[in-house]
Amino acid sequence: MAKQTQTEILNEVLGELQEIKKGLPNGQITLMQKSLEDLEEGQKDLKSEIRTIQKRLFNPDTGLIVEVHKNTEFKVDNQQNLKDVNNLISWKSNVTKALWVVYSAIIGVIIKLLFWN
């Protein structure tokens, strides 16, 4: 094997580089790079939205979790009031039935006094 000169080595490397360039996809690398940049931008937007949602959920003053706890406390606190209302509705129903019996008896007495003397 003969010793190659620098010019011959450079020409050989240049030829190899041209062969590599021929094998590269035309414009596809640019499209892939653009797609990756778009994906990165989308991830940044998604992270921003997630932070916003977390702030809404976990805000100690007006967050969703705080509101759920307030609703639960309200329900527990007013459980006795609900029982009282149900008892009142039941009592009203019973009183209404008793009054119908009394009205029927009074009407019966009036009819007996008027027609059967």
PDB file of N, CA and C in Angstrom:
ATOM      1  N   MET A   1       0.826  -1.155   0.000  1.00  0.00           N
ATOM      2  CA  MET A   1       0.000   0.000   0.000  1.00  0.00           C
ATOM      3  C   MET A   1       0.884   1.235   0.000  1.00  0.00           C
ATOM      4  N   ALA A   2       0.624   2.063  -0.974  1.00  0.00           N
ATOM      5  CA  ALA A   2       1.446   3.258  -1.117  1.00  0.00           C
ATOM      6  C   ALA A   2       0.961   4.321  -0.166  1.00  0.00           C
ATOM      7  N   LYS A   3       1.839   5.178   0.202  1.00  0.00           N
ATOM      8  CA  LYS A   3       1.503   6.254   1.115  1.00  0.00           C
ATOM      9  C   LYS A   3       0.715   7.311   0.359  1.00  0.00           C
ATOM     10  N   GLN A   4      -0.426   7.728   0.964  1.00  0.00           N
ATOM     11  CA  GLN A   4      -1.286   8.708   0.314  1.00  0.00           C
ATOM     12  C   GLN A   4      -0.885  10.110   0.743  1.00  0.00           C
ATOM     13  N   THR A   5      -1.061  11.038  -0.174  1.00  0.00           N
ATOM     14  CA  THR A   5      -0.776  12.429   0.158  1.00  0.00           C
ATOM     15  C   THR A   5      -2.005  13.040   0.818  1.00  0.00           C
ATOM     16  N   GLN A   6      -1.801  14.195   1.398  1.00  0.00           N
ATOM     17  CA  GLN A   6      -2.915  14.877   2.076  1.00  0.00           C
ATOM     18  C   GLN A   6      -4.017  15.219   1.093  1.00  0.00           C
ATOM     19  N   THR A   7      -3.680  15.586  -0.099  1.00  0.00           N
ATOM     20  CA  THR A   7      -4.686  15.941  -1.102  1.00  0.00           C
ATOM     21  C   THR A   7      -5.545  14.728  -1.427  1.00  0.00           C
ATOM     22  N   GLU A   8      -4.913  13.590  -1.585  1.00  0.00           N
ATOM     23  CA  GLU A   8      -5.673  12.381  -1.887  1.00  0.00           C
ATOM     24  C   GLU A   8      -6.602  12.015  -0.728  1.00  0.00           C
ATOM     25  N   ILE A   9      -6.104  12.156   0.515  1.00  0.00           N
ATOM     26  CA  ILE A   9      -6.930  11.853   1.694  1.00  0.00           C
ATOM     27  C   ILE A   9      -8.125  12.804   1.759  1.00  0.00           C
ATOM     28  N   LEU A  10      -7.870  14.112   1.526  1.00  0.00           N
ATOM     29  CA  LEU A  10      -8.944  15.101   1.566  1.00  0.00           C
ATOM     30  C   LEU A  10      -9.965  14.844   0.465  1.00  0.00           C
ATOM     31  N   ASN A  11      -9.515  14.469  -0.728  1.00  0.00           N
ATOM     32  CA  ASN A  11     -10.438  14.154  -1.824  1.00  0.00           C
ATOM     33  C   ASN A  11     -11.290  12.935  -1.476  1.00  0.00           C
ATOM     34  N   GLU A  12     -10.670  11.957  -0.842  1.00  0.00           N
ATOM     35  CA  GLU A  12     -11.409  10.761  -0.444  1.00  0.00           C
ATOM     36  C   GLU A  12     -12.468  11.102   0.618  1.00  0.00           C
ATOM     37  N   VAL A  13     -12.098  11.926   1.599  1.00  0.00           N
ATOM     38  CA  VAL A  13     -13.051  12.350   2.648  1.00  0.00           C
ATOM     39  C   VAL A  13     -14.165  13.166   2.020  1.00  0.00           C
ATOM     40  N   LEU A  14     -13.834  14.055   1.086  1.00  0.00           N
ATOM     41  CA  LEU A  14     -14.834  14.859   0.404  1.00  0.00           C
ATOM     42  C   LEU A  14     -15.804  13.978  -0.369  1.00  0.00           C
ATOM     43  N   GLY A  15     -15.307  12.964  -1.021  1.00  0.00           N
ATOM     44  CA  GLY A  15     -16.163  12.026  -1.744  1.00  0.00           C
ATOM     45  C   GLY A  15     -17.098  11.281  -0.793  1.00  0.00           C
ATOM     46  N   GLU A  16     -16.576  10.866   0.349  1.00  0.00           N
ATOM     47  CA  GLU A  16     -17.402  10.175   1.348  1.00  0.00           C
ATOM     48  C   GLU A  16     -18.483  11.111   1.888  1.00  0.00           C
ATOM     49  N   LEU A  17     -18.144  12.377   2.124  1.00  0.00           N
ATOM     50  CA  LEU A  17     -19.129  13.354   2.614  1.00  0.00           C
ATOM     51  C   LEU A  17     -20.242  13.568   1.593  1.00  0.00           C
ATOM     52  N   GLN A  18     -19.873  13.601   0.328  1.00  0.00           N
ATOM     53  CA  GLN A  18     -20.891  13.757  -0.705  1.00  0.00           C
ATOM     54  C   GLN A  18     -21.819  12.549  -0.745  1.00  0.00           C
ATOM     55  N   GLU A  19     -21.294  11.369  -0.535  1.00  0.00           N
ATOM     56  CA  GLU A  19     -22.113  10.155  -0.492  1.00  0.00           C
ATOM     57  C   GLU A  19     -23.064  10.204   0.706  1.00  0.00           C
ATOM     58  N   ILE A  20     -22.567  10.697   1.836  1.00  0.00           N
ATOM     59  CA  ILE A  20     -23.413  10.814   3.029  1.00  0.00           C
ATOM     60  C   ILE A  20     -24.538  11.814   2.785  1.00  0.00           C
ATOM     61  N   LYS A  21     -24.213  12.936   2.115  1.00  0.00           N
ATOM     62  CA  LYS A  21     -25.235  13.948   1.820  1.00  0.00           C
ATOM     63  C   LYS A  21     -26.324  13.389   0.908  1.00  0.00           C
ATOM     64  N   LYS A  22     -25.931  12.549  -0.032  1.00  0.00           N
ATOM     65  CA  LYS A  22     -26.911  11.947  -0.935  1.00  0.00           C
ATOM     66  C   LYS A  22     -27.894  11.074  -0.157  1.00  0.00           C
ATOM     67  N   GLY A  23     -27.423  10.438   0.898  1.00  0.00           N
ATOM     68  CA  GLY A  23     -28.262   9.541   1.681  1.00  0.00           C
ATOM     69  C   GLY A  23     -29.182  10.262   2.663  1.00  0.00           C
ATOM     70  N   LEU A  24     -28.920  11.520   2.928  1.00  0.00           N
ATOM     71  CA  LEU A  24     -29.758  12.249   3.887  1.00  0.00           C
ATOM     72  C   LEU A  24     -31.118  12.567   3.273  1.00  0.00           C
ATOM     73  N   PRO A  25     -32.177  12.478   4.067  1.00  0.00           N
ATOM     74  CA  PRO A  25     -33.518  12.811   3.552  1.00  0.00           C
ATOM     75  C   PRO A  25     -33.620  14.315   3.296  1.00  0.00           C
ATOM     76  N   ASN A  26     -34.256  14.656   2.204  1.00  0.00           N
ATOM     77  CA  ASN A  26     -34.391  16.064   1.836  1.00  0.00           C
ATOM     78  C   ASN A  26     -35.485  16.723   2.662  1.00  0.00           C
ATOM     79  N   GLY A  27     -35.137  17.621   3.518  1.00  0.00           N
ATOM     80  CA  GLY A  27     -36.103  18.397   4.274  1.00  0.00           C
ATOM     81  C   GLY A  27     -36.756  17.656   5.429  1.00  0.00           C
ATOM     82  N   GLN A  28     -36.551  16.357   5.533  1.00  0.00           N
ATOM     83  CA  GLN A  28     -37.209  15.600   6.594  1.00  0.00           C
ATOM     84  C   GLN A  28     -36.611  15.914   7.960  1.00  0.00           C
ATOM     85  N   ILE A  29     -35.324  16.176   7.989  1.00  0.00           N
ATOM     86  CA  ILE A  29     -34.693  16.526   9.267  1.00  0.00           C
ATOM     87  C   ILE A  29     -35.257  17.849   9.771  1.00  0.00           C
ATOM     88  N   THR A  30     -35.463  18.804   8.882  1.00  0.00           N
ATOM     89  CA  THR A  30     -36.036  20.095   9.269  1.00  0.00           C
ATOM     90  C   THR A  30     -37.448  19.913   9.784  1.00  0.00           C
ATOM     91  N   LEU A  31     -38.228  19.053   9.103  1.00  0.00           N
ATOM     92  CA  LEU A  31     -39.594  18.786   9.562  1.00  0.00           C
ATOM     93  C   LEU A  31     -39.602  18.113  10.927  1.00  0.00           C
ATOM     94  N   MET A  32     -38.673  17.179  11.125  1.00  0.00           N
ATOM     95  CA  MET A  32     -38.593  16.509  12.422  1.00  0.00           C
ATOM     96  C   MET A  32     -38.210  17.496  13.515  1.00  0.00           C
ATOM     97  N   GLN A  33     -37.292  18.393  13.193  1.00  0.00           N
ATOM     98  CA  GLN A  33     -36.875  19.399  14.167  1.00  0.00           C
ATOM     99  C   GLN A  33     -38.051  20.324  14.508  1.00  0.00           C
ATOM    100  N   LYS A  34     -38.824  20.717  13.510  1.00  0.00           N
ATOM    101  CA  LYS A  34     -39.991  21.565  13.729  1.00  0.00           C
ATOM    102  C   LYS A  34     -41.028  20.840  14.582  1.00  0.00           C
ATOM    103  N   SER A  35     -41.223  19.574  14.300  1.00  0.00           N
ATOM    104  CA  SER A  35     -42.176  18.777  15.086  1.00  0.00           C
ATOM    105  C   SER A  35     -41.743  18.684  16.540  1.00  0.00           C
ATOM    106  N   LEU A  36     -40.455  18.485  16.769  1.00  0.00           N
ATOM    107  CA  LEU A  36     -39.956  18.420  18.140  1.00  0.00           C
ATOM    108  C   LEU A  36     -40.116  19.756  18.854  1.00  0.00           C
ATOM    109  N   GLU A  37     -39.888  20.849  18.134  1.00  0.00           N
ATOM    110  CA  GLU A  37     -40.065  22.172  18.732  1.00  0.00           C
ATOM    111  C   GLU A  37     -41.535  22.411  19.081  1.00  0.00           C
ATOM    112  N   ASP A  38     -42.430  21.997  18.193  1.00  0.00           N
ATOM    113  CA  ASP A  38     -43.868  22.129  18.472  1.00  0.00           C
ATOM    114  C   ASP A  38     -44.266  21.292  19.678  1.00  0.00           C
ATOM    115  N   LEU A  39     -43.716  20.087  19.753  1.00  0.00           N
ATOM    116  CA  LEU A  39     -44.003  19.206  20.884  1.00  0.00           C
ATOM    117  C   LEU A  39     -43.516  19.832  22.192  1.00  0.00           C
ATOM    118  N   GLU A  40     -42.337  20.423  22.156  1.00  0.00           N
ATOM    119  CA  GLU A  40     -41.789  21.076  23.350  1.00  0.00           C
ATOM    120  C   GLU A  40     -42.664  22.258  23.764  1.00  0.00           C
ATOM    121  N   GLU A  41     -43.132  23.026  22.798  1.00  0.00           N
ATOM    122  CA  GLU A  41     -44.012  24.167  23.087  1.00  0.00           C
ATOM    123  C   GLU A  41     -45.332  23.680  23.682  1.00  0.00           C
ATOM    124  N   GLY A  42     -45.857  22.592  23.128  1.00  0.00           N
ATOM    125  CA  GLY A  42     -47.090  22.020  23.657  1.00  0.00           C
ATOM    126  C   GLY A  42     -46.916  21.549  25.094  1.00  0.00           C
ATOM    127  N   GLN A  43     -45.782  20.973  25.409  1.00  0.00           N
ATOM    128  CA  GLN A  43     -45.516  20.523  26.778  1.00  0.00           C
ATOM    129  C   GLN A  43     -45.451  21.715  27.728  1.00  0.00           C
ATOM    130  N   LYS A  44     -44.862  22.817  27.276  1.00  0.00           N
ATOM    131  CA  LYS A  44     -44.805  24.008  28.118  1.00  0.00           C
ATOM    132  C   LYS A  44     -46.213  24.535  28.392  1.00  0.00           C
ATOM    133  N   ASP A  45     -47.068  24.555  27.359  1.00  0.00           N
ATOM    134  CA  ASP A  45     -48.448  24.993  27.542  1.00  0.00           C
ATOM    135  C   ASP A  45     -49.191  24.062  28.497  1.00  0.00           C
ATOM    136  N   LEU A  46     -48.959  22.772  28.346  1.00  0.00           N
ATOM    137  CA  LEU A  46     -49.609  21.788  29.211  1.00  0.00           C
ATOM    138  C   LEU A  46     -49.172  21.965  30.664  1.00  0.00           C
ATOM    139  N   LYS A  47     -47.892  22.201  30.876  1.00  0.00           N
ATOM    140  CA  LYS A  47     -47.396  22.439  32.233  1.00  0.00           C
ATOM    141  C   LYS A  47     -48.057  23.682  32.828  1.00  0.00           C
ATOM    142  N   SER A  48     -48.209  24.718  32.015  1.00  0.00           N
ATOM    143  CA  SER A  48     -48.852  25.947  32.481  1.00  0.00           C
ATOM    144  C   SER A  48     -50.303  25.689  32.879  1.00  0.00           C
ATOM    145  N   GLU A  49     -51.021  24.929  32.053  1.00  0.00           N
ATOM    146  CA  GLU A  49     -52.415  24.605  32.352  1.00  0.00           C
ATOM    147  C   GLU A  49     -52.525  23.752  33.620  1.00  0.00           C
ATOM    148  N   ILE A  50     -51.613  22.820  33.786  1.00  0.00           N
ATOM    149  CA  ILE A  50     -51.621  21.973  34.983  1.00  0.00           C
ATOM    150  C   ILE A  50     -51.382  22.819  36.222  1.00  0.00           C
ATOM    151  N   ARG A  51     -50.467  23.775  36.140  1.00  0.00           N
ATOM    152  CA  ARG A  51     -50.229  24.666  37.282  1.00  0.00           C
ATOM    153  C   ARG A  51     -51.479  25.467  37.614  1.00  0.00           C
ATOM    154  N   THR A  52     -52.173  25.952  36.581  1.00  0.00           N
ATOM    155  CA  THR A  52     -53.400  26.708  36.808  1.00  0.00           C
ATOM    156  C   THR A  52     -54.454  25.846  37.494  1.00  0.00           C
ATOM    157  N   ILE A  53     -54.603  24.618  37.032  1.00  0.00           N
ATOM    158  CA  ILE A  53     -55.578  23.703  37.636  1.00  0.00           C
ATOM    159  C   ILE A  53     -55.188  23.393  39.077  1.00  0.00           C
ATOM    160  N   GLN A  54     -53.912  23.187  39.333  1.00  0.00           N
ATOM    161  CA  GLN A  54     -53.468  22.907  40.696  1.00  0.00           C
ATOM    162  C   GLN A  54     -53.768  24.093  41.607  1.00  0.00           C
ATOM    163  N   LYS A  55     -53.554  25.297  41.109  1.00  0.00           N
ATOM    164  CA  LYS A  55     -53.855  26.477  41.927  1.00  0.00           C
ATOM    165  C   LYS A  55     -55.338  26.541  42.255  1.00  0.00           C
ATOM    166  N   ARG A  56     -56.177  26.223  41.275  1.00  0.00           N
ATOM    167  CA  ARG A  56     -57.617  26.246  41.519  1.00  0.00           C
ATOM    168  C   ARG A  56     -58.041  25.156  42.492  1.00  0.00           C
ATOM    169  N   LEU A  57     -57.419  23.998  42.408  1.00  0.00           N
ATOM    170  CA  LEU A  57     -57.780  22.891  43.288  1.00  0.00           C
ATOM    171  C   LEU A  57     -57.294  23.107  44.715  1.00  0.00           C
ATOM    172  N   PHE A  58     -56.051  23.524  44.854  1.00  0.00           N
ATOM    173  CA  PHE A  58     -55.409  23.530  46.162  1.00  0.00           C
ATOM    174  C   PHE A  58     -55.310  24.904  46.810  1.00  0.00           C
ATOM    175  N   ASN A  59     -55.956  25.919  46.254  1.00  0.00           N
ATOM    176  CA  ASN A  59     -55.934  27.235  46.868  1.00  0.00           C
ATOM    177  C   ASN A  59     -56.547  27.133  48.261  1.00  0.00           C
ATOM    178  N   PRO A  60     -55.828  27.590  49.310  1.00  0.00           N
ATOM    179  CA  PRO A  60     -56.338  27.411  50.675  1.00  0.00           C
ATOM    180  C   PRO A  60     -57.567  28.257  50.994  1.00  0.00           C
ATOM    181  N   ASP A  61     -57.860  29.258  50.195  1.00  0.00           N
ATOM    182  CA  ASP A  61     -59.020  30.111  50.472  1.00  0.00           C
ATOM    183  C   ASP A  61     -60.238  29.727  49.636  1.00  0.00           C
ATOM    184  N   THR A  62     -60.033  29.517  48.348  1.00  0.00           N
ATOM    185  CA  THR A  62     -61.173  29.280  47.454  1.00  0.00           C
ATOM    186  C   THR A  62     -61.020  28.026  46.616  1.00  0.00           C
ATOM    187  N   GLY A  63     -60.121  27.159  46.976  1.00  0.00           N
ATOM    188  CA  GLY A  63     -59.883  25.954  46.185  1.00  0.00           C
ATOM    189  C   GLY A  63     -61.039  24.979  46.251  1.00  0.00           C
ATOM    190  N   LEU A  64     -61.079  24.108  45.287  1.00  0.00           N
ATOM    191  CA  LEU A  64     -62.152  23.115  45.194  1.00  0.00           C
ATOM    192  C   LEU A  64     -62.174  22.202  46.411  1.00  0.00           C
ATOM    193  N   ILE A  65     -61.030  21.798  46.882  1.00  0.00           N
ATOM    194  CA  ILE A  65     -60.958  20.910  48.034  1.00  0.00           C
ATOM    195  C   ILE A  65     -61.513  21.606  49.274  1.00  0.00           C
ATOM    196  N   VAL A  66     -61.200  22.885  49.438  1.00  0.00           N
ATOM    197  CA  VAL A  66     -61.722  23.646  50.575  1.00  0.00           C
ATOM    198  C   VAL A  66     -63.239  23.746  50.482  1.00  0.00           C
ATOM    199  N   GLU A  67     -63.751  23.978  49.285  1.00  0.00           N
ATOM    200  CA  GLU A  67     -65.205  24.078  49.102  1.00  0.00           C
ATOM    201  C   GLU A  67     -65.891  22.753  49.417  1.00  0.00           C
ATOM    202  N   VAL A  68     -65.289  21.647  49.030  1.00  0.00           N
ATOM    203  CA  VAL A  68     -65.871  20.333  49.321  1.00  0.00           C
ATOM    204  C   VAL A  68     -65.915  20.106  50.828  1.00  0.00           C
ATOM    205  N   HIS A  69     -64.841  20.498  51.524  1.00  0.00           N
ATOM    206  CA  HIS A  69     -64.824  20.352  52.985  1.00  0.00           C
ATOM    207  C   HIS A  69     -65.892  21.235  53.632  1.00  0.00           C
ATOM    208  N   LYS A  70     -66.078  22.437  53.109  1.00  0.00           N
ATOM    209  CA  LYS A  70     -67.118  23.323  53.646  1.00  0.00           C
ATOM    210  C   LYS A  70     -68.500  22.717  53.438  1.00  0.00           C
ATOM    211  N   ASN A  71     -68.736  22.155  52.268  1.00  0.00           N
ATOM    212  CA  ASN A  71     -70.029  21.529  51.996  1.00  0.00           C
ATOM    213  C   ASN A  71     -70.263  20.334  52.914  1.00  0.00           C
ATOM    214  N   THR A  72     -69.228  19.562  53.148  1.00  0.00           N
ATOM    215  CA  THR A  72     -69.350  18.404  54.037  1.00  0.00           C
ATOM    216  C   THR A  72     -69.656  18.859  55.460  1.00  0.00           C
ATOM    217  N   GLU A  73     -68.962  19.894  55.927  1.00  0.00           N
ATOM    218  CA  GLU A  73     -69.226  20.430  57.262  1.00  0.00           C
ATOM    219  C   GLU A  73     -70.652  20.955  57.361  1.00  0.00           C
ATOM    220  N   PHE A  74     -71.116  21.649  56.329  1.00  0.00           N
ATOM    221  CA  PHE A  74     -72.481  22.172  56.328  1.00  0.00           C
ATOM    222  C   PHE A  74     -73.486  21.029  56.419  1.00  0.00           C
ATOM    223  N   LYS A  75     -73.236  19.968  55.666  1.00  0.00           N
ATOM    224  CA  LYS A  75     -74.141  18.822  55.673  1.00  0.00           C
ATOM    225  C   LYS A  75     -74.180  18.178  57.054  1.00  0.00           C
ATOM    226  N   VAL A  76     -73.015  17.994  57.661  1.00  0.00           N
ATOM    227  CA  VAL A  76     -72.949  17.374  58.982  1.00  0.00           C
ATOM    228  C   VAL A  76     -73.628  18.269  60.018  1.00  0.00           C
ATOM    229  N   ASP A  77     -73.374  19.579  59.943  1.00  0.00           N
ATOM    230  CA  ASP A  77     -73.961  20.512  60.895  1.00  0.00           C
ATOM    231  C   ASP A  77     -75.477  20.569  60.782  1.00  0.00           C
ATOM    232  N   ASN A  78     -76.007  20.422  59.585  1.00  0.00           N
ATOM    233  CA  ASN A  78     -77.442  20.558  59.376  1.00  0.00           C
ATOM    234  C   ASN A  78     -78.175  19.221  59.318  1.00  0.00           C
ATOM    235  N   GLN A  79     -77.508  18.139  59.670  1.00  0.00           N
ATOM    236  CA  GLN A  79     -78.146  16.825  59.662  1.00  0.00           C
ATOM    237  C   GLN A  79     -79.304  16.793  60.669  1.00  0.00           C
ATOM    238  N   GLN A  80     -79.106  17.394  61.851  1.00  0.00           N
ATOM    239  CA  GLN A  80     -80.161  17.431  62.862  1.00  0.00           C
ATOM    240  C   GLN A  80     -81.338  18.271  62.375  1.00  0.00           C
ATOM    241  N   ASN A  81     -81.063  19.373  61.694  1.00  0.00           N
ATOM    242  CA  ASN A  81     -82.147  20.211  61.152  1.00  0.00           C
ATOM    243  C   ASN A  81     -82.971  19.430  60.136  1.00  0.00           C
ATOM    244  N   LEU A  82     -82.315  18.628  59.339  1.00  0.00           N
ATOM    245  CA  LEU A  82     -83.020  17.808  58.355  1.00  0.00           C
ATOM    246  C   LEU A  82     -83.924  16.794  59.045  1.00  0.00           C
ATOM    247  N   LYS A  83     -83.431  16.193  60.113  1.00  0.00           N
ATOM    248  CA  LYS A  83     -84.269  15.262  60.875  1.00  0.00           C
ATOM    249  C   LYS A  83     -85.478  15.989  61.460  1.00  0.00           C
ATOM    250  N   ASP A  84     -85.271  17.210  61.970  1.00  0.00           N
ATOM    251  CA  ASP A  84     -86.372  17.988  62.536  1.00  0.00           C
ATOM    252  C   ASP A  84     -87.419  18.311  61.476  1.00  0.00           C
ATOM    253  N   VAL A  85     -86.982  18.658  60.284  1.00  0.00           N
ATOM    254  CA  VAL A  85     -87.916  18.958  59.196  1.00  0.00           C
ATOM    255  C   VAL A  85     -88.707  17.714  58.828  1.00  0.00           C
ATOM    256  N   ASN A  86     -88.051  16.576  58.748  1.00  0.00           N
ATOM    257  CA  ASN A  86     -88.761  15.326  58.429  1.00  0.00           C
ATOM    258  C   ASN A  86     -89.785  14.988  59.511  1.00  0.00           C
ATOM    259  N   ASN A  87     -89.419  15.200  60.771  1.00  0.00           N
ATOM    260  CA  ASN A  87     -90.359  14.958  61.864  1.00  0.00           C
ATOM    261  C   ASN A  87     -91.550  15.911  61.781  1.00  0.00           C
ATOM    262  N   LEU A  88     -91.292  17.159  61.419  1.00  0.00           N
ATOM    263  CA  LEU A  88     -92.363  18.148  61.284  1.00  0.00           C
ATOM    264  C   LEU A  88     -93.313  17.771  60.146  1.00  0.00           C
ATOM    265  N   ILE A  89     -92.784  17.294  59.049  1.00  0.00           N
ATOM    266  CA  ILE A  89     -93.629  16.873  57.919  1.00  0.00           C
ATOM    267  C   ILE A  89     -94.481  15.676  58.320  1.00  0.00           C
ATOM    268  N   SER A  90     -93.907  14.746  59.038  1.00  0.00           N
ATOM    269  CA  SER A  90     -94.661  13.575  59.510  1.00  0.00           C
ATOM    270  C   SER A  90     -95.772  14.011  60.474  1.00  0.00           C
ATOM    271  N   TRP A  91     -95.464  14.916  61.394  1.00  0.00           N
ATOM    272  CA  TRP A  91     -96.455  15.419  62.353  1.00  0.00           C
ATOM    273  C   TRP A  91     -97.595  16.118  61.628  1.00  0.00           C
ATOM    274  N   LYS A  92     -97.247  16.941  60.616  1.00  0.00           N
ATOM    275  CA  LYS A  92     -98.273  17.658  59.854  1.00  0.00           C
ATOM    276  C   LYS A  92     -99.205  16.670  59.158  1.00  0.00           C
ATOM    277  N   SER A  93     -98.646  15.605  58.595  1.00  0.00           N
ATOM    278  CA  SER A  93     -99.462  14.600  57.922  1.00  0.00           C
ATOM    279  C   SER A  93    -100.425  13.945  58.905  1.00  0.00           C
ATOM    280  N   ASN A  94     -99.934  13.617  60.090  1.00  0.00           N
ATOM    281  CA  ASN A  94    -100.790  12.990  61.104  1.00  0.00           C
ATOM    282  C   ASN A  94    -101.883  13.942  61.585  1.00  0.00           C
ATOM    283  N   VAL A  95    -101.553  15.201  61.767  1.00  0.00           N
ATOM    284  CA  VAL A  95    -102.543  16.190  62.204  1.00  0.00           C
ATOM    285  C   VAL A  95    -103.608  16.379  61.129  1.00  0.00           C
ATOM    286  N   THR A  96    -103.204  16.392  59.879  1.00  0.00           N
ATOM    287  CA  THR A  96    -104.168  16.539  58.790  1.00  0.00           C
ATOM    288  C   THR A  96    -105.149  15.368  58.785  1.00  0.00           C
ATOM    289  N   LYS A  97    -104.652  14.168  58.964  1.00  0.00           N
ATOM    290  CA  LYS A  97    -105.537  12.991  59.023  1.00  0.00           C
ATOM    291  C   LYS A  97    -106.504  13.102  60.206  1.00  0.00           C
ATOM    292  N   ALA A  98    -106.002  13.524  61.363  1.00  0.00           N
ATOM    293  CA  ALA A  98    -106.853  13.655  62.548  1.00  0.00           C
ATOM    294  C   ALA A  98    -107.926  14.713  62.325  1.00  0.00           C
ATOM    295  N   LEU A  99    -107.566  15.826  61.671  1.00  0.00           N
ATOM    296  CA  LEU A  99    -108.555  16.879  61.410  1.00  0.00           C
ATOM    297  C   LEU A  99    -109.636  16.393  60.459  1.00  0.00           C
ATOM    298  N   TRP A 100    -109.298  15.558  59.480  1.00  0.00           N
ATOM    299  CA  TRP A 100    -110.316  15.019  58.594  1.00  0.00           C
ATOM    300  C   TRP A 100    -111.309  14.138  59.372  1.00  0.00           C
ATOM    301  N   VAL A 101    -110.800  13.394  60.325  1.00  0.00           N
ATOM    302  CA  VAL A 101    -111.679  12.576  61.165  1.00  0.00           C
ATOM    303  C   VAL A 101    -112.602  13.479  61.978  1.00  0.00           C
ATOM    304  N   VAL A 102    -112.050  14.538  62.564  1.00  0.00           N
ATOM    305  CA  VAL A 102    -112.850  15.472  63.370  1.00  0.00           C
ATOM    306  C   VAL A 102    -113.891  16.162  62.487  1.00  0.00           C
ATOM    307  N   TYR A 103    -113.500  16.642  61.299  1.00  0.00           N
ATOM    308  CA  TYR A 103    -114.456  17.310  60.403  1.00  0.00           C
ATOM    309  C   TYR A 103    -115.574  16.361  60.005  1.00  0.00           C
ATOM    310  N   SER A 104    -115.200  15.113  59.699  1.00  0.00           N
ATOM    311  CA  SER A 104    -116.228  14.129  59.329  1.00  0.00           C
ATOM    312  C   SER A 104    -117.195  13.908  60.485  1.00  0.00           C
ATOM    313  N   ALA A 105    -116.691  13.816  61.698  1.00  0.00           N
ATOM    314  CA  ALA A 105    -117.554  13.612  62.867  1.00  0.00           C
ATOM    315  C   ALA A 105    -118.477  14.812  63.079  1.00  0.00           C
ATOM    316  N   ILE A 106    -117.952  16.004  62.925  1.00  0.00           N
ATOM    317  CA  ILE A 106    -118.771  17.205  63.110  1.00  0.00           C
ATOM    318  C   ILE A 106    -119.862  17.267  62.053  1.00  0.00           C
ATOM    319  N   ILE A 107    -119.509  16.983  60.798  1.00  0.00           N
ATOM    320  CA  ILE A 107    -120.513  16.989  59.733  1.00  0.00           C
ATOM    321  C   ILE A 107    -121.562  15.911  59.997  1.00  0.00           C
ATOM    322  N   GLY A 108    -121.162  14.756  60.491  1.00  0.00           N
ATOM    323  CA  GLY A 108    -122.104  13.692  60.824  1.00  0.00           C
ATOM    324  C   GLY A 108    -123.049  14.106  61.934  1.00  0.00           C
ATOM    325  N   VAL A 109    -122.542  14.766  62.959  1.00  0.00           N
ATOM    326  CA  VAL A 109    -123.382  15.237  64.065  1.00  0.00           C
ATOM    327  C   VAL A 109    -124.368  16.283  63.569  1.00  0.00           C
ATOM    328  N   ILE A 110    -123.909  17.201  62.710  1.00  0.00           N
ATOM    329  CA  ILE A 110    -124.807  18.257  62.196  1.00  0.00           C
ATOM    330  C   ILE A 110    -125.909  17.625  61.353  1.00  0.00           C
ATOM    331  N   ILE A 111    -125.585  16.682  60.503  1.00  0.00           N
ATOM    332  CA  ILE A 111    -126.595  16.028  59.671  1.00  0.00           C
ATOM    333  C   ILE A 111    -127.597  15.276  60.551  1.00  0.00           C
ATOM    334  N   LYS A 112    -127.151  14.608  61.609  1.00  0.00           N
ATOM    335  CA  LYS A 112    -128.049  13.883  62.506  1.00  0.00           C
ATOM    336  C   LYS A 112    -128.989  14.845  63.229  1.00  0.00           C
ATOM    337  N   LEU A 113    -128.461  15.971  63.647  1.00  0.00           N
ATOM    338  CA  LEU A 113    -129.311  16.936  64.355  1.00  0.00           C
ATOM    339  C   LEU A 113    -130.344  17.547  63.424  1.00  0.00           C
ATOM    340  N   LEU A 114    -129.994  17.752  62.167  1.00  0.00           N
ATOM    341  CA  LEU A 114    -130.931  18.388  61.248  1.00  0.00           C
ATOM    342  C   LEU A 114    -132.008  17.433  60.756  1.00  0.00           C
ATOM    343  N   PHE A 115    -131.665  16.200  60.465  1.00  0.00           N
ATOM    344  CA  PHE A 115    -132.624  15.308  59.817  1.00  0.00           C
ATOM    345  C   PHE A 115    -133.243  14.250  60.737  1.00  0.00           C
ATOM    346  N   TRP A 116    -132.675  13.876  61.840  1.00  0.00           N
ATOM    347  CA  TRP A 116    -133.198  12.811  62.682  1.00  0.00           C
ATOM    348  C   TRP A 116    -133.490  13.312  64.091  1.00  0.00           C
ATOM    349  N   ASN A 117    -134.512  14.036  64.209  1.00  0.00           N
ATOM    350  CA  ASN A 117    -134.905  14.522  65.536  1.00  0.00           C
ATOM    351  C   ASN A 117    -135.917  13.672  66.149  1.00  0.00           C
TER     352      ASN A 117
END
